[in-house]
Amino acid sequence: LHTIGAYLPENPTPEKQQALENFVKNLATVFPCSTCSNDFSNIIKERPPKASTREEFVRWACEAHNDVNRKLGKPEFPCDKIDERWK
């Protein structure tokens, strides 16, 4: 998700926005780990993916990842470092 966001156009077309939002929503259904699947589904319900702009999606993905990091007791990733890490 982070790499997709890093290379997403600054202003994706409405079709690309919808495709990306659908992809993220469907991703939760294919996780082999039921706990991970449920957790990701809950993240999506609480904070649906947004892809109106590249920045919006990158921020959403980072915050979703940090939700998981907090649950696992891992340090949060600084969302302002996304491009340095994934681009």
Protein backbone atom coordinates (compact mmCIF):
# COMPACT_ATOMS: atom_id res chain seq x y z
CA LEU A 1 0.00 0.00 0.00
CA HIS A 2 2.82 2.38 0.82
CA THR A 3 4.53 1.82 -2.53
CA ILE A 4 1.24 2.25 -4.39
CA GLY A 5 0.73 5.53 -2.56
CA ALA A 6 4.27 6.70 -3.23
CA TYR A 7 3.75 6.37 -6.97
CA LEU A 8 0.11 7.42 -7.15
CA PRO A 9 -0.47 10.51 -9.31
CA GLU A 10 -0.89 13.71 -7.29
CA ASN A 11 -4.53 13.92 -8.43
CA PRO A 12 -5.76 10.47 -9.45
CA THR A 13 -8.69 10.19 -11.82
CA PRO A 14 -12.06 9.37 -10.24
CA GLU A 15 -11.78 5.86 -11.72
CA LYS A 16 -8.34 5.33 -10.16
CA GLN A 17 -9.57 6.68 -6.83
CA GLN A 18 -12.49 4.26 -6.82
CA ALA A 19 -10.32 1.33 -7.91
CA LEU A 20 -7.82 2.02 -5.14
CA GLU A 21 -10.50 2.40 -2.48
CA ASN A 22 -12.10 -0.88 -3.64
CA PHE A 23 -8.71 -2.61 -3.66
CA VAL A 24 -8.02 -1.61 -0.06
CA LYS A 25 -11.49 -2.65 1.09
CA ASN A 26 -11.16 -6.02 -0.65
CA LEU A 27 -7.64 -6.57 0.65
CA ALA A 28 -9.01 -7.22 4.13
CA THR A 29 -11.00 -10.19 2.84
CA VAL A 30 -7.95 -12.07 1.56
CA PHE A 31 -5.60 -11.86 4.56
CA PRO A 32 -4.79 -15.46 5.55
CA CYS A 33 -4.74 -14.45 9.23
CA SER A 34 -8.31 -14.00 10.53
CA THR A 35 -7.19 -11.64 13.31
CA CYS A 36 -5.37 -9.45 10.77
CA SER A 37 -8.35 -9.55 8.46
CA ASN A 38 -10.73 -8.51 11.24
CA ASP A 39 -8.41 -5.78 12.48
CA PHE A 40 -7.92 -4.33 9.00
CA SER A 41 -11.66 -4.49 8.35
CA ASN A 42 -12.23 -2.53 11.54
CA ILE A 43 -9.66 0.07 10.55
CA ILE A 44 -11.44 0.48 7.21
CA LYS A 45 -14.83 0.80 8.91
CA GLU A 46 -13.57 3.37 11.42
CA ARG A 47 -11.53 5.32 8.88
CA PRO A 48 -12.40 4.44 5.27
CA PRO A 49 -9.59 4.72 2.72
CA LYS A 50 -9.37 8.01 0.88
CA ALA A 51 -7.67 8.51 -2.46
CA SER A 52 -8.77 11.92 -3.75
CA THR A 53 -5.13 12.96 -3.79
CA ARG A 54 -1.83 11.17 -3.46
CA GLU A 55 -1.15 12.92 -0.14
CA GLU A 56 -4.54 11.89 1.25
CA PHE A 57 -3.96 8.22 0.42
CA VAL A 58 -0.37 8.20 1.66
CA ARG A 59 -1.50 9.73 4.96
CA TRP A 60 -4.38 7.24 5.27
CA ALA A 61 -2.09 4.25 4.66
CA CYS A 62 0.47 5.51 7.15
CA GLU A 63 -2.14 6.10 9.84
CA ALA A 64 -3.64 2.64 9.23
CA HIS A 65 -0.17 1.10 9.50
CA ASN A 66 0.44 2.99 12.74
CA ASP A 67 -2.85 1.62 14.12
CA VAL A 68 -1.36 -1.85 13.64
CA ASN A 69 2.02 -0.80 15.07
CA ARG A 70 0.33 0.52 18.23
CA LYS A 71 -1.63 -2.71 18.64
CA LEU A 72 1.58 -4.74 18.29
CA GLY A 73 3.57 -2.48 20.63
CA LYS A 74 5.84 -1.33 17.84
CA PRO A 75 7.00 2.25 17.34
CA GLU A 76 4.91 4.42 15.06
CA PHE A 77 6.31 5.32 11.68
CA PRO A 78 6.69 9.08 11.12
CA CYS A 79 4.21 9.78 8.32
CA ASP A 80 6.26 12.71 7.05
CA LYS A 81 9.00 10.21 6.07
CA ILE A 82 6.85 8.14 3.68
CA ASP A 83 8.54 9.30 0.47
CA GLU A 84 11.99 8.77 1.95
CA ARG A 85 11.07 5.17 2.78
CA TRP A 86 8.90 4.03 -0.12
CA LYS A 87 9.71 6.17 -3.12
